[in-house]
N, C-alpha and C. Protein backbone atom coordinates (compact mmCIF):
# COMPACT_ATOMS: atom_id res chain seq x y z
N UNK A 1 -15.77 10.98 -89.76
CA UNK A 1 -17.27 11.14 -89.03
C UNK A 1 -17.27 9.55 -88.20
N UNK A 2 -17.76 9.77 -86.90
CA UNK A 2 -18.25 8.49 -85.71
C UNK A 2 -19.35 8.04 -86.40
N UNK A 3 -19.26 6.54 -86.42
CA UNK A 3 -20.42 5.96 -86.65
C UNK A 3 -21.38 5.93 -85.51
N UNK A 4 -22.58 6.03 -85.69
CA UNK A 4 -24.24 6.24 -84.71
C UNK A 4 -24.32 4.90 -83.86
N UNK A 5 -23.77 3.94 -84.79
CA UNK A 5 -24.18 2.59 -84.24
C UNK A 5 -22.45 1.68 -84.15
N UNK A 6 -21.79 2.12 -83.40
CA UNK A 6 -20.53 1.65 -83.04
C UNK A 6 -20.51 -0.34 -83.23
N UNK A 7 -19.45 -0.76 -83.82
CA UNK A 7 -19.67 -2.43 -84.04
C UNK A 7 -19.68 -2.96 -82.38
N UNK A 8 -20.40 -4.11 -81.87
CA UNK A 8 -20.32 -4.73 -80.73
C UNK A 8 -19.23 -5.25 -80.31
N UNK A 9 -18.31 -5.14 -79.06
CA UNK A 9 -17.24 -5.69 -79.18
C UNK A 9 -17.69 -7.41 -78.80
N UNK A 10 -16.66 -7.92 -79.38
CA UNK A 10 -17.13 -9.96 -79.35
C UNK A 10 -16.69 -10.17 -78.15
N UNK A 11 -17.53 -10.98 -77.56
CA UNK A 11 -17.61 -11.68 -76.57
C UNK A 11 -16.29 -12.53 -76.31
N UNK A 12 -14.96 -12.09 -75.23
CA UNK A 12 -13.98 -12.97 -75.74
C UNK A 12 -14.13 -14.05 -74.80
N UNK A 13 -14.99 -14.81 -73.83
CA UNK A 13 -15.44 -16.32 -73.95
C UNK A 13 -16.74 -16.64 -73.91
N UNK A 14 -17.03 -18.07 -74.33
CA UNK A 14 -18.35 -18.61 -73.57
C UNK A 14 -17.92 -19.73 -72.99
N UNK A 15 -19.25 -19.74 -72.23
CA UNK A 15 -19.45 -21.20 -71.24
C UNK A 15 -20.12 -22.28 -71.81
N UNK A 16 -20.10 -23.39 -71.93
CA UNK A 16 -21.15 -24.31 -72.05
C UNK A 16 -22.11 -24.49 -70.75
N UNK A 17 -23.05 -25.21 -71.10
CA UNK A 17 -24.03 -25.38 -69.94
C UNK A 17 -23.35 -26.36 -68.81
N UNK A 18 -22.55 -27.11 -69.23
CA UNK A 18 -21.85 -28.11 -68.58
C UNK A 18 -21.27 -27.31 -67.46
N UNK A 19 -20.19 -26.25 -67.99
CA UNK A 19 -19.28 -25.53 -67.31
C UNK A 19 -19.89 -24.47 -66.46
N UNK A 20 -20.93 -23.89 -66.80
CA UNK A 20 -21.70 -22.66 -65.87
C UNK A 20 -21.99 -23.43 -64.58
N UNK A 21 -22.81 -25.03 -64.61
CA UNK A 21 -23.72 -25.57 -63.90
C UNK A 21 -22.44 -25.56 -63.04
N UNK A 22 -21.39 -26.35 -63.20
CA UNK A 22 -20.09 -26.28 -62.28
C UNK A 22 -19.48 -25.17 -61.43
N UNK A 23 -19.55 -24.36 -62.18
CA UNK A 23 -18.74 -23.53 -61.90
C UNK A 23 -20.17 -22.63 -60.51
N UNK A 24 -21.32 -22.58 -60.87
CA UNK A 24 -22.19 -22.39 -59.91
C UNK A 24 -22.64 -23.07 -58.69
N UNK A 25 -21.98 -24.61 -59.12
CA UNK A 25 -22.10 -25.35 -58.08
C UNK A 25 -20.95 -25.07 -56.94
N UNK A 26 -19.68 -24.86 -57.66
CA UNK A 26 -18.60 -24.86 -56.72
C UNK A 26 -19.09 -23.13 -56.05
N UNK A 27 -19.52 -22.35 -56.77
CA UNK A 27 -19.96 -20.45 -55.76
C UNK A 27 -20.49 -20.81 -54.84
N UNK A 28 -21.24 -21.71 -54.92
CA UNK A 28 -22.53 -22.19 -53.97
C UNK A 28 -22.25 -22.55 -52.71
N UNK A 29 -20.76 -22.98 -52.66
CA UNK A 29 -20.30 -23.68 -51.68
C UNK A 29 -19.06 -22.69 -50.78
N UNK A 30 -18.94 -21.76 -51.40
CA UNK A 30 -17.63 -20.63 -51.09
C UNK A 30 -17.98 -20.25 -49.73
N UNK A 31 -16.77 -20.21 -49.19
CA UNK A 31 -17.20 -19.43 -47.49
C UNK A 31 -16.63 -18.00 -47.20
N UNK A 32 -16.32 -17.35 -48.61
CA UNK A 32 -16.28 -15.83 -48.44
C UNK A 32 -16.98 -15.59 -49.81
N UNK A 33 -16.81 -14.34 -49.84
CA UNK A 33 -17.95 -13.52 -51.03
C UNK A 33 -16.95 -13.49 -52.12
N UNK A 34 -17.37 -14.24 -52.81
CA UNK A 34 -16.61 -14.50 -54.36
C UNK A 34 -17.03 -13.49 -55.35
N UNK A 35 -16.89 -12.96 -56.57
CA UNK A 35 -17.09 -12.08 -57.49
C UNK A 35 -17.13 -12.88 -58.53
N UNK A 36 -16.53 -13.62 -58.91
CA UNK A 36 -16.57 -14.65 -60.15
C UNK A 36 -15.14 -15.50 -60.27
N UNK A 37 -15.16 -15.91 -61.65
CA UNK A 37 -14.30 -16.96 -61.65
C UNK A 37 -13.16 -16.35 -62.62
N UNK A 38 -11.71 -15.79 -61.93
CA UNK A 38 -10.50 -15.03 -62.79
C UNK A 38 -10.12 -16.13 -64.13
N UNK A 39 -10.08 -16.04 -64.87
CA UNK A 39 -8.97 -16.89 -65.67
C UNK A 39 -8.35 -16.11 -66.55
N UNK A 40 -7.03 -16.76 -67.03
CA UNK A 40 -5.73 -16.15 -67.44
C UNK A 40 -4.94 -17.41 -68.08
N UNK A 41 -3.64 -16.83 -68.36
CA UNK A 41 -2.89 -18.39 -69.08
C UNK A 41 -1.47 -17.01 -68.21
N UNK A 42 -0.49 -18.17 -68.53
CA UNK A 42 0.95 -17.94 -67.91
C UNK A 42 1.27 -18.88 -68.48
N UNK A 43 3.08 -18.49 -68.61
CA UNK A 43 4.09 -18.87 -69.40
C UNK A 43 4.23 -20.77 -68.31
N UNK A 44 4.41 -21.20 -68.88
CA UNK A 44 4.93 -22.75 -68.01
C UNK A 44 4.75 -23.80 -69.00
N UNK A 45 5.06 -25.13 -68.71
CA UNK A 45 4.83 -26.32 -68.95
C UNK A 45 6.01 -26.86 -70.06
N UNK A 46 5.27 -27.72 -70.44
CA UNK A 46 6.53 -28.33 -71.57
C UNK A 46 5.90 -27.52 -72.85
N UNK A 47 4.52 -27.16 -73.21
CA UNK A 47 3.85 -26.86 -74.42
C UNK A 47 4.16 -25.26 -74.32
N UNK A 48 4.90 -24.52 -73.31
CA UNK A 48 4.82 -23.15 -73.27
C UNK A 48 3.92 -21.99 -72.58
N UNK A 49 2.86 -22.64 -72.33
CA UNK A 49 1.34 -21.54 -71.83
C UNK A 49 0.88 -22.81 -70.73
N UNK A 50 0.16 -22.20 -70.09
CA UNK A 50 -1.05 -22.72 -68.77
C UNK A 50 -1.75 -21.91 -68.84
N UNK A 51 -3.31 -22.72 -68.94
CA UNK A 51 -4.41 -21.98 -68.19
C UNK A 51 -4.57 -21.53 -67.01
N UNK A 52 -5.09 -20.43 -66.07
CA UNK A 52 -4.84 -20.40 -64.90
C UNK A 52 -6.17 -19.85 -64.32
N UNK A 53 -6.84 -20.30 -63.30
CA UNK A 53 -8.24 -20.16 -62.83
C UNK A 53 -8.24 -19.86 -61.31
N UNK A 54 -8.85 -19.44 -60.89
CA UNK A 54 -8.67 -18.57 -59.78
C UNK A 54 -9.97 -18.06 -59.15
N UNK A 55 -10.63 -18.37 -57.84
CA UNK A 55 -11.63 -17.69 -57.72
C UNK A 55 -11.76 -16.18 -57.28
N UNK A 56 -12.22 -14.93 -57.78
CA UNK A 56 -12.12 -13.62 -57.59
C UNK A 56 -12.99 -13.26 -56.58
N UNK A 57 -12.06 -12.72 -55.74
CA UNK A 57 -13.05 -11.81 -54.52
C UNK A 57 -12.96 -10.13 -55.09
N UNK A 58 -12.50 -9.90 -55.73
CA UNK A 58 -12.88 -8.63 -56.45
C UNK A 58 -12.09 -8.49 -58.15
N UNK A 59 -12.93 -7.48 -58.42
CA UNK A 59 -12.76 -7.12 -59.94
C UNK A 59 -11.30 -6.22 -59.92
N UNK A 60 -10.47 -6.51 -60.99
CA UNK A 60 -9.40 -5.81 -61.04
C UNK A 60 -9.57 -4.43 -62.14
N UNK A 61 -8.84 -3.50 -62.09
CA UNK A 61 -9.39 -2.45 -63.09
C UNK A 61 -9.50 -2.96 -64.83
N UNK A 62 -8.59 -3.43 -64.99
CA UNK A 62 -8.61 -4.23 -66.48
C UNK A 62 -8.73 -5.33 -66.66
N UNK A 63 -9.44 -6.23 -65.97
CA UNK A 63 -10.21 -7.29 -66.28
C UNK A 63 -11.54 -7.24 -67.37
N UNK A 64 -11.31 -8.02 -68.08
CA UNK A 64 -12.46 -8.37 -69.10
C UNK A 64 -14.01 -8.94 -68.43
N UNK A 65 -15.20 -8.18 -68.42
CA UNK A 65 -15.98 -9.07 -67.77
C UNK A 65 -16.76 -9.86 -68.44
N UNK A 66 -17.21 -11.40 -68.49
CA UNK A 66 -17.93 -12.05 -69.41
C UNK A 66 -18.93 -12.64 -68.71
N UNK A 67 -20.47 -12.57 -68.62
CA UNK A 67 -21.29 -13.15 -68.08
C UNK A 67 -22.13 -13.55 -68.98
N UNK A 68 -22.26 -14.92 -68.80
CA UNK A 68 -22.65 -16.04 -69.54
C UNK A 68 -23.38 -17.21 -68.91
N UNK A 69 -24.74 -17.62 -68.80
CA UNK A 69 -25.63 -18.11 -68.31
C UNK A 69 -25.34 -18.41 -66.97
N UNK A 70 -24.94 -16.97 -66.29
CA UNK A 70 -25.28 -17.16 -65.15
C UNK A 70 -24.32 -16.89 -64.06
N UNK A 71 -23.18 -17.23 -64.70
CA UNK A 71 -21.69 -16.89 -64.22
C UNK A 71 -20.85 -15.87 -64.68
N UNK A 72 -19.93 -15.05 -63.56
CA UNK A 72 -19.01 -13.77 -64.23
C UNK A 72 -18.07 -14.33 -64.11
N UNK A 73 -16.90 -14.60 -65.03
CA UNK A 73 -15.97 -14.26 -65.34
C UNK A 73 -15.05 -13.33 -65.51
N UNK A 74 -14.11 -13.69 -64.96
CA UNK A 74 -13.22 -11.96 -65.26
C UNK A 74 -11.84 -12.43 -66.08
N UNK A 75 -11.76 -11.96 -67.01
CA UNK A 75 -10.35 -12.11 -67.71
C UNK A 75 -9.52 -11.52 -67.45
N UNK A 76 -8.50 -12.05 -67.38
CA UNK A 76 -7.42 -10.99 -66.97
C UNK A 76 -6.63 -10.13 -67.85
N UNK A 77 -6.07 -9.37 -67.98
CA UNK A 77 -5.97 -7.93 -69.42
C UNK A 77 -5.01 -8.89 -70.13
N UNK A 78 -3.74 -9.41 -69.48
CA UNK A 78 -3.03 -10.21 -70.57
C UNK A 78 -3.32 -11.35 -71.44
N UNK A 79 -4.22 -12.00 -71.14
CA UNK A 79 -4.75 -13.03 -71.72
C UNK A 79 -5.69 -12.84 -72.53
N UNK A 80 -6.40 -11.76 -72.63
CA UNK A 80 -7.62 -11.69 -73.80
C UNK A 80 -7.43 -11.84 -75.16
N UNK A 81 -5.99 -11.30 -75.64
CA UNK A 81 -5.68 -11.97 -76.89
C UNK A 81 -5.28 -13.42 -77.12
N UNK A 82 -5.23 -14.28 -76.23
CA UNK A 82 -4.95 -15.79 -76.67
C UNK A 82 -6.28 -16.06 -76.07
N UNK A 83 -7.35 -15.64 -75.67
CA UNK A 83 -8.68 -16.57 -75.21
C UNK A 83 -9.81 -16.28 -76.13
N UNK A 84 -9.31 -15.13 -76.93
CA UNK A 84 -10.32 -14.47 -78.41
C UNK A 84 -11.03 -15.95 -78.38
N UNK A 85 -12.52 -16.00 -78.35
CA UNK A 85 -13.23 -17.15 -79.27
C UNK A 85 -13.10 -18.47 -78.33
N UNK A 86 -12.46 -18.34 -76.89
CA UNK A 86 -12.51 -19.87 -76.71
C UNK A 86 -13.80 -20.14 -75.42
N UNK A 87 -14.45 -21.44 -75.91
CA UNK A 87 -15.45 -22.02 -75.49
C UNK A 87 -15.12 -22.67 -74.13
N UNK A 88 -15.22 -22.38 -72.86
CA UNK A 88 -15.11 -23.13 -71.70
C UNK A 88 -15.83 -24.26 -71.37
N UNK A 89 -15.63 -25.91 -71.15
CA UNK A 89 -16.54 -26.79 -70.97
C UNK A 89 -16.03 -27.30 -69.41
N UNK A 90 -17.06 -28.46 -68.69
CA UNK A 90 -16.47 -29.15 -68.18
C UNK A 90 -16.66 -30.42 -68.43
N UNK A 91 -16.36 -31.53 -68.59
CA UNK A 91 -15.75 -32.93 -68.65
C UNK A 91 -15.53 -33.94 -67.59
N UNK A 92 -16.41 -34.48 -67.72
CA UNK A 92 -16.61 -35.83 -66.77
C UNK A 92 -16.67 -37.14 -67.25
N UNK A 93 -15.54 -37.80 -67.07
CA UNK A 93 -15.44 -39.43 -67.17
C UNK A 93 -14.75 -40.20 -66.32
N UNK A 94 -15.14 -41.46 -66.22
CA UNK A 94 -14.68 -42.53 -65.71
C UNK A 94 -13.67 -42.39 -64.79
N UNK A 95 -12.10 -41.73 -65.55
CA UNK A 95 -11.01 -41.57 -64.58
C UNK A 95 -11.05 -40.12 -64.81
N UNK A 96 -11.74 -38.98 -64.72
CA UNK A 96 -10.98 -37.41 -64.63
C UNK A 96 -12.23 -36.71 -64.45
N UNK A 97 -12.29 -35.42 -64.01
CA UNK A 97 -13.11 -34.37 -64.56
C UNK A 97 -12.35 -33.01 -64.11
N UNK A 98 -13.26 -32.16 -65.38
CA UNK A 98 -12.28 -30.54 -65.15
C UNK A 98 -12.57 -30.04 -65.89
N UNK A 99 -12.01 -28.78 -66.25
CA UNK A 99 -12.52 -27.97 -67.04
C UNK A 99 -11.87 -28.09 -68.18
N UNK A 100 -12.29 -27.90 -69.42
CA UNK A 100 -11.61 -28.10 -70.85
C UNK A 100 -11.88 -26.55 -71.51
N UNK A 101 -10.47 -26.10 -72.11
CA UNK A 101 -11.16 -25.11 -72.87
C UNK A 101 -10.72 -25.06 -74.39
N UNK A 102 -11.51 -25.39 -75.43
CA UNK A 102 -11.69 -25.14 -76.59
C UNK A 102 -11.29 -23.75 -77.20
N UNK A 103 -10.08 -23.77 -77.70
CA UNK A 103 -9.56 -22.66 -77.84
C UNK A 103 -8.80 -22.44 -79.32
N UNK A 104 -9.88 -21.57 -80.34
CA UNK A 104 -9.21 -21.79 -81.54
C UNK A 104 -7.89 -20.84 -81.67
N UNK A 105 -7.54 -20.43 -80.85
CA UNK A 105 -5.91 -20.04 -81.10
C UNK A 105 -4.89 -20.84 -80.38
N UNK A 106 -5.16 -22.01 -80.06
CA UNK A 106 -4.40 -23.01 -79.56
C UNK A 106 -3.47 -23.67 -80.74
N UNK A 107 -2.18 -23.96 -80.57
CA UNK A 107 -1.59 -24.12 -81.85
C UNK A 107 -1.33 -25.92 -81.64
N UNK A 108 -0.77 -26.20 -80.41
CA UNK A 108 -0.73 -27.74 -79.83
C UNK A 108 -0.99 -27.47 -78.33
N UNK A 109 -0.72 -29.21 -77.83
CA UNK A 109 -0.36 -29.29 -76.59
C UNK A 109 0.29 -30.32 -76.33
N UNK A 110 0.58 -30.35 -75.17
CA UNK A 110 1.75 -31.29 -74.54
C UNK A 110 0.76 -33.11 -74.66
N UNK A 111 1.36 -33.66 -74.57
CA UNK A 111 1.04 -34.79 -74.23
C UNK A 111 -0.22 -35.11 -72.90
N UNK A 112 0.58 -34.24 -71.84
CA UNK A 112 0.09 -34.90 -70.68
C UNK A 112 -1.67 -33.89 -70.65
N UNK A 113 -1.73 -32.72 -71.42
CA UNK A 113 -2.90 -32.16 -71.46
C UNK A 113 -2.56 -31.00 -70.88
N UNK A 114 -1.31 -30.82 -69.52
CA UNK A 114 -1.75 -29.59 -69.03
C UNK A 114 -1.21 -28.46 -69.40
N UNK A 115 -0.55 -28.10 -70.67
CA UNK A 115 0.02 -27.17 -71.27
C UNK A 115 -0.20 -26.87 -72.64
N UNK A 116 -0.13 -25.78 -72.96
CA UNK A 116 -0.70 -25.58 -74.72
C UNK A 116 0.28 -24.50 -75.12
N UNK A 117 0.39 -24.83 -76.26
CA UNK A 117 1.04 -23.38 -76.96
C UNK A 117 0.17 -22.62 -78.20
N UNK A 118 0.02 -21.33 -77.32
CA UNK A 118 -0.79 -20.24 -77.78
C UNK A 118 -0.12 -19.33 -78.78
N UNK A 119 -1.31 -18.89 -79.89
CA UNK A 119 -1.04 -17.92 -80.89
C UNK A 119 -1.93 -16.24 -80.26
N UNK A 120 -1.67 -15.32 -80.38
CA UNK A 120 -2.40 -14.19 -80.28
C UNK A 120 -3.40 -14.20 -81.30
N UNK A 121 -5.08 -14.04 -80.69
CA UNK A 121 -6.06 -13.62 -81.77
C UNK A 121 -5.80 -13.62 -83.12
N UNK A 122 -6.14 -12.93 -83.97
CA UNK A 122 -5.95 -12.23 -85.05
C UNK A 122 -7.14 -11.27 -84.95
N UNK A 123 -6.83 -10.17 -85.40
CA UNK A 123 -7.70 -8.61 -84.95
C UNK A 123 -8.36 -8.46 -86.08
N UNK A 124 -8.42 -8.97 -87.51
CA UNK A 124 -9.26 -8.29 -88.32
C UNK A 124 -10.28 -9.47 -88.71
């Protein structure tokens, strides 16, 4: 018998206040209509995988939509199991600034910080 109250789906990702503010700031300067920020992962780098980010002009049929702090993030379907539980932050220091992924599925990272080794999230 099906439960009357199905378990809510977990949110794949969340954004810190700093990340949401930076995305909103960049979006406000876009020269074409953007529906959100698409995030994924791809094979590459010395540690095996790299995060990808691009402005999305449309939503793909299998994108997972996360709306957090006024920002719409589209998660590429192939990346969902690698990003489950991830928090996206924006950090600015004297020498660099950029988005940082605090990912519980990250096993290791290369020395330059550009690529990571990820495992699929546990589903239980």
